[in-house]
Amino acid sequence: MKLAWIVFLKELRDALRDRRTLLMVVLSSVAIGPLILVAMSALIAGIEQRAEAREVYAVGLDKAPTLRNFLERQTYQVKTPPADYERQLVSRQFGEPVLVVPADFEADLARGVAPVVELVGSSANNRAQGSVGRLTRLLMGFGQEQATLRLAWRGVTPALLQPLQVEERDLADPRARAAQLTGILPFFVLMAVLYGALNAALDTTAGERERGSLEPLLMNPAPRAALVLGKWGAVASVGMLIAVLSCFSFLPAQWLLRSETLAAMFQFGWREAAQFLALLLPLAAMLSALLMAVAIRCRTFKEAQANNTVVVLVISLLPLVTLLNQEGEKPWHLWVPALAQITLMGRVLKGELIAAPDLLVPLAVAALGTALCVAFVARQLRLAAVR
């Protein structure tokens, strides 16, 4: 262990020496949380602002005073859209649906004929499409009011039109609803840990072989296990450092939220940060060993970088299982590295309790994977020394 400690300090010093690369990795891991949260809060704040504006863009509404009176009684402000609103909706320059009222609206309404109005929008324009439902419900309210007035004029109680009342009951708590928006955050934290350990893993294996410093190191009488443990410990320390910085960056990031709704629902404190670390630190250790195991077989830094691209791609695709799977969690999710961490971090964001067996399964898988990869690297170093 003394020799492993010496190698660990040497490798850690070399990893920290490349300050430009280290600075970029650290800044990206620290900034990723605040940037994602600020972007989400800006999006939600924009939606809330448009909803609070209570504006309706309409064409031909001057020929429908009854409808205009209803909209103004609902405290909506009627505005005129741009002349080329259709082109701007398609090009996403205009972000509100447009209500088109026919010229014979009042005549049809007086004769008891249902007038046809158009809601012009674009399904490819997310801003405009988000307000279509609000405007549709507003027009349905106008239709219900007209039907009630007609029934009352004929002496028929309006209650006959509503033989059934439906009340919705949402079982999701505010944190579970917020997790639908912030569920992507664990993915970025996971990728920050992966990329943080990648450069150190490549440099301490294929990088040393390319520079010609690996062979002199193997000529020392130190056991191969001590060399591997020291190198792996340095790489894992860098990955764990990135994990710590990424998790704790969410704490001050909550101060930057522009949306009061998201700020009220997203509760990430010291307890949640500690749970994130309990899941990420063992994974950082395993990913460091896995990246080293792939890179130790390569002769150049570029070759190791190309081979580890497959590892990065697989790790980045695994969390997509939770997005594509609409049937909820499966027991086997906890046995797959990266997927298990994403699943359990999602539970943390929802405010759910993590049972001890659920936490021990990914921990055991990470420990086993780390041991196998470290043993493989030690075997490769022994074979290199023999050659």
Protein backbone atom coordinates (compact mmCIF):
# COMPACT_ATOMS: atom_id res chain seq x y z
CA MET A 1 0.00 0.00 0.00
CA LYS A 2 2.94 2.34 0.57
CA LEU A 3 4.07 1.87 -3.03
CA ALA A 4 0.48 2.29 -4.23
CA TRP A 5 0.27 5.56 -2.29
CA ILE A 6 3.45 6.83 -3.94
CA VAL A 7 2.10 5.99 -7.40
CA PHE A 8 -1.22 7.57 -6.48
CA LEU A 9 0.39 10.88 -5.52
CA LYS A 10 2.52 10.88 -8.66
CA GLU A 11 -0.42 10.18 -10.97
CA LEU A 12 -2.66 12.67 -9.18
CA ARG A 13 0.02 15.33 -9.51
CA ASP A 14 0.30 14.60 -13.23
CA ALA A 15 -3.48 14.76 -13.64
CA LEU A 16 -3.66 18.12 -11.87
CA ARG A 17 -0.69 19.49 -13.79
CA ASP A 18 -2.69 19.95 -17.00
CA ARG A 19 -4.47 22.95 -15.60
CA ARG A 20 -6.16 24.00 -18.81
CA THR A 21 -7.91 20.66 -19.31
CA LEU A 22 -8.66 20.36 -15.62
CA LEU A 23 -10.09 23.87 -15.50
CA MET A 24 -12.40 23.16 -18.43
CA VAL A 25 -13.62 19.92 -16.86
CA VAL A 26 -14.16 21.48 -13.43
CA LEU A 27 -15.92 24.54 -14.81
CA SER A 28 -18.19 22.41 -16.99
CA SER A 29 -19.10 20.16 -14.06
CA VAL A 30 -19.75 23.12 -11.76
CA ALA A 31 -21.67 25.14 -14.35
CA ILE A 32 -23.74 22.33 -15.85
CA GLY A 33 -26.25 22.26 -12.99
CA PRO A 34 -26.91 26.01 -12.78
CA LEU A 35 -27.05 26.36 -16.57
CA ILE A 36 -29.62 23.60 -17.02
CA LEU A 37 -31.75 24.87 -14.13
CA VAL A 38 -31.61 28.46 -15.36
CA ALA A 39 -32.58 27.37 -18.87
CA MET A 40 -35.53 25.36 -17.54
CA SER A 41 -36.65 28.15 -15.26
CA ALA A 42 -36.44 30.66 -18.13
CA LEU A 43 -38.60 28.38 -20.27
CA ILE A 44 -41.21 27.92 -17.54
CA ALA A 45 -41.13 31.62 -16.66
CA GLY A 46 -41.81 32.47 -20.31
CA ILE A 47 -44.80 30.12 -20.38
CA GLU A 48 -46.12 31.58 -17.12
CA GLN A 49 -45.65 35.12 -18.40
CA ARG A 50 -47.60 34.39 -21.57
CA ALA A 51 -50.37 32.76 -19.50
CA GLU A 52 -50.59 35.76 -17.15
CA ALA A 53 -50.65 38.23 -20.05
CA ARG A 54 -54.20 37.03 -20.96
CA GLU A 55 -53.97 38.15 -24.55
CA VAL A 56 -55.90 36.90 -27.56
CA TYR A 57 -54.78 37.58 -31.11
CA ALA A 58 -57.82 37.62 -33.38
CA VAL A 59 -58.80 38.51 -36.94
CA GLY A 60 -62.35 39.64 -37.75
CA LEU A 61 -63.41 39.97 -34.11
CA ASP A 62 -64.92 43.38 -34.82
CA LYS A 63 -67.72 41.52 -36.64
CA ALA A 64 -68.43 39.38 -33.55
CA PRO A 65 -69.27 41.77 -30.68
CA THR A 66 -70.82 38.98 -28.62
CA LEU A 67 -67.62 36.98 -28.63
CA ARG A 68 -65.54 40.09 -28.05
CA ASN A 69 -67.69 41.01 -25.04
CA PHE A 70 -67.19 37.52 -23.60
CA LEU A 71 -63.40 37.70 -24.02
CA GLU A 72 -63.20 41.11 -22.40
CA ARG A 73 -65.38 39.92 -19.49
CA GLN A 74 -62.83 37.16 -18.97
CA THR A 75 -60.22 39.96 -18.63
CA TYR A 76 -58.55 39.05 -21.92
CA GLN A 77 -57.03 41.77 -24.05
CA VAL A 78 -57.77 41.47 -27.77
CA LYS A 79 -54.84 42.24 -30.06
CA THR A 80 -54.33 42.28 -33.79
CA PRO A 81 -51.77 39.77 -35.14
CA PRO A 82 -49.18 40.68 -37.78
CA ALA A 83 -50.38 40.84 -41.36
CA ASP A 84 -48.24 37.83 -42.34
CA TYR A 85 -48.96 35.85 -39.18
CA GLU A 86 -49.18 32.54 -41.05
CA ARG A 87 -45.63 32.87 -42.35
CA GLN A 88 -44.37 33.99 -38.97
CA LEU A 89 -46.07 31.07 -37.24
CA VAL A 90 -44.41 28.62 -39.60
CA SER A 91 -41.00 30.29 -39.18
CA ARG A 92 -41.54 30.51 -35.37
CA GLN A 93 -41.14 34.28 -35.35
CA PHE A 94 -44.61 34.64 -33.87
CA GLY A 95 -45.51 32.55 -30.84
CA GLU A 96 -49.28 32.92 -30.38
CA PRO A 97 -52.21 31.16 -32.08
CA VAL A 98 -54.57 33.38 -34.05
CA LEU A 99 -58.36 33.26 -33.78
CA VAL A 100 -60.03 33.83 -37.17
CA VAL A 101 -63.71 34.83 -36.92
CA PRO A 102 -65.93 34.65 -40.04
CA ALA A 103 -67.91 37.66 -41.21
CA ASP A 104 -71.27 35.97 -40.66
CA PHE A 105 -70.54 35.00 -37.04
CA GLU A 106 -73.30 37.11 -35.45
CA ALA A 107 -75.85 36.14 -38.08
CA ASP A 108 -75.24 32.44 -37.58
CA LEU A 109 -75.32 32.86 -33.82
CA ALA A 110 -78.69 34.66 -34.00
CA ARG A 111 -80.21 31.95 -36.25
CA GLY A 112 -79.07 29.19 -33.88
CA VAL A 113 -76.45 27.89 -36.31
CA ALA A 114 -73.08 27.04 -34.81
CA PRO A 115 -70.55 29.46 -36.32
CA VAL A 116 -67.23 28.04 -37.43
CA VAL A 117 -64.13 29.77 -36.08
CA GLU A 118 -60.54 28.85 -36.83
CA LEU A 119 -57.57 28.55 -34.53
CA VAL A 120 -54.53 29.07 -36.69
CA GLY A 121 -51.33 27.61 -35.27
CA SER A 122 -48.40 25.39 -36.13
CA SER A 123 -47.65 22.10 -34.40
CA ALA A 124 -43.96 22.70 -35.12
CA ASN A 125 -44.12 26.00 -33.21
CA ASN A 126 -43.96 24.98 -29.55
CA ARG A 127 -44.68 28.45 -28.22
CA ALA A 128 -47.84 28.84 -30.27
CA GLN A 129 -48.97 25.25 -29.75
CA GLY A 130 -48.73 25.65 -25.98
CA SER A 131 -51.44 28.36 -26.05
CA VAL A 132 -53.85 26.52 -28.34
CA GLY A 133 -55.35 24.52 -25.46
CA ARG A 134 -55.90 27.65 -23.38
CA LEU A 135 -57.69 29.42 -26.25
CA THR A 136 -59.74 26.30 -27.03
CA ARG A 137 -60.99 26.11 -23.44
CA LEU A 138 -61.86 29.80 -23.61
CA LEU A 139 -64.01 29.29 -26.71
CA MET A 140 -65.67 26.26 -25.14
CA GLY A 141 -66.59 28.47 -22.21
CA PHE A 142 -68.23 30.91 -24.64
CA GLY A 143 -70.18 28.07 -26.22
CA GLN A 144 -71.33 26.79 -22.84
CA GLU A 145 -72.47 30.27 -21.86
CA GLN A 146 -74.51 30.63 -25.06
CA ALA A 147 -76.10 27.22 -24.57
CA THR A 148 -77.03 28.09 -20.99
CA LEU A 149 -78.63 31.37 -22.07
CA ARG A 150 -80.67 29.64 -24.77
CA LEU A 151 -81.94 27.01 -22.37
CA ALA A 152 -82.79 29.62 -19.74
CA TRP A 153 -84.69 31.66 -22.39
CA ARG A 154 -86.84 28.60 -23.15
CA GLY A 155 -87.38 27.78 -19.49
CA VAL A 156 -85.19 24.67 -19.44
CA THR A 157 -82.82 24.20 -16.53
CA PRO A 158 -79.17 24.11 -17.67
CA ALA A 159 -78.47 21.29 -15.20
CA LEU A 160 -79.97 18.86 -17.72
CA LEU A 161 -76.87 19.31 -19.86
CA GLN A 162 -74.62 18.15 -17.04
CA PRO A 163 -75.86 14.78 -15.79
CA LEU A 164 -72.37 13.93 -14.59
CA GLN A 165 -69.69 15.91 -12.78
CA VAL A 166 -66.05 14.88 -13.08
CA GLU A 167 -63.45 15.91 -10.52
CA GLU A 168 -59.77 15.15 -11.08
CA ARG A 169 -57.54 14.09 -8.20
CA ASP A 170 -53.80 14.24 -8.82
CA LEU A 171 -51.85 11.78 -6.68
CA ALA A 172 -48.45 13.21 -7.59
CA ASP A 173 -46.84 15.51 -5.04
CA PRO A 174 -45.14 18.75 -6.13
CA ARG A 175 -41.67 17.16 -6.16
CA ALA A 176 -42.85 14.35 -8.43
CA ARG A 177 -44.33 16.90 -10.83
CA ALA A 178 -41.10 18.89 -10.75
CA ALA A 179 -39.12 15.72 -11.51
CA GLN A 180 -40.85 15.57 -14.89
CA LEU A 181 -38.94 18.72 -15.78
CA THR A 182 -35.72 18.18 -13.82
CA GLY A 183 -35.41 14.46 -14.58
CA ILE A 184 -32.75 15.23 -17.16
CA LEU A 185 -30.35 16.67 -14.55
CA PRO A 186 -28.96 13.28 -13.36
CA PHE A 187 -27.96 12.49 -16.95
CA PHE A 188 -25.79 15.61 -17.19
CA VAL A 189 -24.21 14.89 -13.81
CA LEU A 190 -23.42 11.35 -14.93
CA MET A 191 -21.84 12.56 -18.18
CA ALA A 192 -19.78 15.16 -16.29
CA VAL A 193 -18.33 12.38 -14.11
CA LEU A 194 -17.62 10.22 -17.15
CA TYR A 195 -15.84 12.95 -19.12
CA GLY A 196 -14.02 14.10 -16.01
CA ALA A 197 -12.41 10.69 -15.54
CA LEU A 198 -11.86 10.09 -19.26
CA ASN A 199 -8.86 12.36 -19.80
CA ALA A 200 -7.05 11.16 -16.67
CA ALA A 201 -7.68 7.50 -17.55
CA LEU A 202 -6.30 7.94 -21.06
CA ASP A 203 -3.26 9.88 -19.93
CA THR A 204 -2.21 7.42 -17.23
CA THR A 205 -2.38 4.40 -19.55
CA ALA A 206 -2.13 4.94 -23.30
CA GLY A 207 -0.64 8.40 -22.79
CA GLU A 208 2.29 7.01 -20.81
CA ARG A 209 2.79 4.23 -23.34
CA GLU A 210 2.89 6.75 -26.18
CA ARG A 211 5.37 8.96 -24.31
CA GLY A 212 7.56 5.94 -23.52
CA SER A 213 7.31 6.38 -19.74
CA LEU A 214 5.32 3.22 -19.07
CA GLU A 215 8.16 0.76 -19.77
CA PRO A 216 10.62 2.39 -17.32
CA LEU A 217 7.87 2.35 -14.70
CA LEU A 218 7.34 -1.38 -15.21
CA MET A 219 11.07 -2.01 -14.72
CA ASN A 220 10.72 -1.07 -11.05
CA PRO A 221 10.45 -4.00 -8.60
CA ALA A 222 7.12 -2.67 -7.34
CA PRO A 223 4.21 -5.14 -7.55
CA ARG A 224 1.90 -4.60 -10.49
CA ALA A 225 -1.05 -4.42 -8.09
CA ALA A 226 0.52 -1.40 -6.37
CA LEU A 227 1.04 0.38 -9.70
CA VAL A 228 -2.50 -0.30 -10.85
CA LEU A 229 -4.08 0.69 -7.54
CA GLY A 230 -2.13 3.94 -7.50
CA LYS A 231 -3.09 4.81 -11.07
CA TRP A 232 -6.70 3.82 -10.59
CA GLY A 233 -6.93 5.73 -7.33
CA ALA A 234 -5.75 8.93 -9.01
CA VAL A 235 -8.22 8.59 -11.90
CA ALA A 236 -11.06 7.70 -9.55
CA SER A 237 -10.23 10.71 -7.34
CA VAL A 238 -10.60 13.04 -10.32
CA GLY A 239 -13.93 11.46 -11.25
CA MET A 240 -15.15 11.66 -7.65
CA LEU A 241 -14.09 15.30 -7.43
CA ILE A 242 -16.20 16.06 -10.48
CA ALA A 243 -19.12 14.19 -8.89
CA VAL A 244 -18.85 16.24 -5.69
CA LEU A 245 -18.66 19.55 -7.56
CA SER A 246 -21.56 18.64 -9.85
CA CYS A 247 -23.86 17.60 -7.02
CA PHE A 248 -23.17 20.56 -4.78
CA SER A 249 -23.51 23.00 -7.69
CA PHE A 250 -27.29 22.46 -7.54
CA LEU A 251 -27.45 24.05 -4.09
CA PRO A 252 -26.53 27.62 -5.13
CA ALA A 253 -28.16 27.08 -8.54
CA GLN A 254 -31.60 27.26 -6.89
CA TRP A 255 -30.99 30.92 -6.13
CA LEU A 256 -30.91 31.64 -9.88
CA LEU A 257 -34.32 30.18 -10.70
CA ARG A 258 -36.55 32.72 -12.43
CA SER A 259 -39.74 30.66 -12.22
CA GLU A 260 -41.40 30.79 -8.81
CA THR A 261 -43.32 27.61 -9.64
CA LEU A 262 -40.16 25.62 -10.36
CA ALA A 263 -38.41 27.13 -7.34
CA ALA A 264 -41.27 25.98 -5.11
CA MET A 265 -41.34 22.45 -6.54
CA PHE A 266 -37.61 21.80 -6.96
CA GLN A 267 -36.24 21.10 -3.50
CA PHE A 268 -32.59 20.01 -3.57
CA GLY A 269 -30.79 20.24 -0.26
CA TRP A 270 -27.86 18.66 1.54
CA ARG A 271 -29.76 15.41 1.99
CA GLU A 272 -30.42 15.04 -1.73
CA ALA A 273 -26.80 15.96 -2.54
CA ALA A 274 -25.55 13.27 -0.14
CA GLN A 275 -27.82 10.68 -1.76
CA PHE A 276 -26.57 11.67 -5.20
CA LEU A 277 -22.98 11.21 -4.02
CA ALA A 278 -23.73 7.82 -2.46
CA LEU A 279 -24.84 6.70 -5.92
CA LEU A 280 -22.22 8.48 -8.02
CA LEU A 281 -18.99 7.82 -6.10
CA PRO A 282 -19.02 4.01 -6.58
CA LEU A 283 -19.96 4.51 -10.22
CA ALA A 284 -17.09 6.99 -10.69
CA ALA A 285 -14.70 4.36 -9.32
CA MET A 286 -16.03 1.72 -11.73
CA LEU A 287 -16.04 4.02 -14.75
CA SER A 288 -12.44 5.02 -14.03
CA ALA A 289 -11.38 1.36 -13.96
CA LEU A 290 -13.39 0.61 -17.11
CA LEU A 291 -11.86 3.49 -19.06
CA MET A 292 -8.39 2.39 -17.97
CA ALA A 293 -9.11 -1.22 -18.98
CA VAL A 294 -10.08 -0.12 -22.47
CA ALA A 295 -7.17 2.32 -22.84
CA ILE A 296 -4.44 -0.02 -21.54
CA ARG A 297 -4.74 -2.17 -24.66
CA CYS A 298 -4.06 0.79 -26.97
CA ARG A 299 -0.66 2.07 -28.04
CA THR A 300 -1.51 5.70 -28.69
CA PHE A 301 -3.65 8.32 -27.00
CA LYS A 302 -5.82 8.78 -30.09
CA GLU A 303 -6.45 5.06 -30.38
CA ALA A 304 -7.50 4.88 -26.75
CA GLN A 305 -9.71 7.91 -27.23
CA ALA A 306 -11.42 6.30 -30.20
CA ASN A 307 -11.98 3.01 -28.36
CA ASN A 308 -13.37 4.74 -25.29
CA THR A 309 -15.85 6.56 -27.49
CA VAL A 310 -17.80 3.31 -27.57
CA VAL A 311 -17.88 3.26 -23.76
CA VAL A 312 -19.07 6.87 -23.65
CA LEU A 313 -21.75 6.14 -26.24
CA VAL A 314 -23.08 3.10 -24.37
CA ILE A 315 -23.11 4.91 -21.02
CA SER A 316 -24.91 7.89 -22.56
CA LEU A 317 -27.54 5.69 -24.24
CA LEU A 318 -28.39 3.58 -21.18
CA PRO A 319 -30.37 6.35 -19.39
CA LEU A 320 -32.62 6.61 -22.46
CA VAL A 321 -34.24 3.38 -21.27
CA THR A 322 -36.01 5.32 -18.53
CA LEU A 323 -37.29 7.86 -21.06
CA LEU A 324 -38.50 5.32 -23.62
CA ASN A 325 -39.99 2.94 -21.07
CA GLN A 326 -43.54 4.05 -20.20
CA GLU A 327 -44.25 1.09 -17.92
CA GLY A 328 -42.21 2.29 -14.96
CA GLU A 329 -39.10 0.84 -13.35
CA LYS A 330 -38.10 -2.77 -13.80
CA PRO A 331 -36.10 -4.83 -11.27
CA TRP A 332 -33.29 -5.36 -13.75
CA HIS A 333 -32.72 -1.61 -14.06
CA LEU A 334 -30.87 -1.64 -10.74
CA TRP A 335 -28.42 -4.25 -12.03
CA VAL A 336 -27.21 -2.15 -14.96
CA PRO A 337 -24.51 0.45 -14.17
CA ALA A 338 -25.41 4.04 -15.07
CA LEU A 339 -29.05 3.03 -15.60
CA ALA A 340 -29.35 2.14 -11.92
CA GLN A 341 -27.87 5.48 -10.85
CA ILE A 342 -30.17 7.43 -13.18
CA THR A 343 -33.18 5.50 -11.86
CA LEU A 344 -32.34 6.04 -8.20
CA MET A 345 -31.39 9.69 -8.67
CA GLY A 346 -34.80 10.15 -10.28
CA ARG A 347 -36.35 8.76 -7.09
CA VAL A 348 -34.36 11.26 -5.05
CA LEU A 349 -35.69 14.15 -7.14
CA LYS A 350 -39.23 12.85 -6.65
CA GLY A 351 -38.74 12.77 -2.88
CA GLU A 352 -39.11 8.99 -2.65
CA LEU A 353 -37.24 6.92 -0.11
CA ILE A 354 -34.53 4.57 -1.37
CA ALA A 355 -34.59 1.18 0.33
CA ALA A 356 -31.33 -0.34 1.49
CA PRO A 357 -31.50 -3.31 -0.95
CA ASP A 358 -32.03 -0.91 -3.86
CA LEU A 359 -28.90 0.97 -2.84
CA LEU A 360 -26.80 -2.14 -2.19
CA VAL A 361 -27.46 -3.69 -5.62
CA PRO A 362 -25.77 -0.96 -7.73
CA LEU A 363 -23.05 -0.63 -5.07
CA ALA A 364 -22.25 -4.36 -5.35
CA VAL A 365 -22.31 -4.22 -9.16
CA ALA A 366 -19.96 -1.22 -9.15
CA ALA A 367 -17.58 -2.93 -6.71
CA LEU A 368 -17.50 -6.11 -8.80
CA GLY A 369 -17.00 -4.17 -12.03
CA THR A 370 -14.19 -2.15 -10.47
CA ALA A 371 -12.41 -5.27 -9.21
CA LEU A 372 -12.63 -7.00 -12.60
CA CYS A 373 -11.38 -3.98 -14.54
CA VAL A 374 -8.51 -3.31 -12.12
CA ALA A 375 -7.50 -6.98 -12.31
CA PHE A 376 -7.57 -6.77 -16.11
CA VAL A 377 -5.33 -3.68 -16.11
CA ALA A 378 -2.87 -5.43 -13.74
CA ARG A 379 -2.80 -8.46 -16.04
CA GLN A 380 -2.11 -6.26 -19.05
CA LEU A 381 0.77 -4.57 -17.23
CA ARG A 382 2.25 -7.95 -16.33
CA LEU A 383 2.06 -9.06 -19.95
CA ALA A 384 3.65 -5.79 -21.05
CA ALA A 385 6.49 -6.31 -18.59
CA VAL A 386 7.09 -9.84 -19.90
CA ARG A 387 7.29 -8.62 -23.49
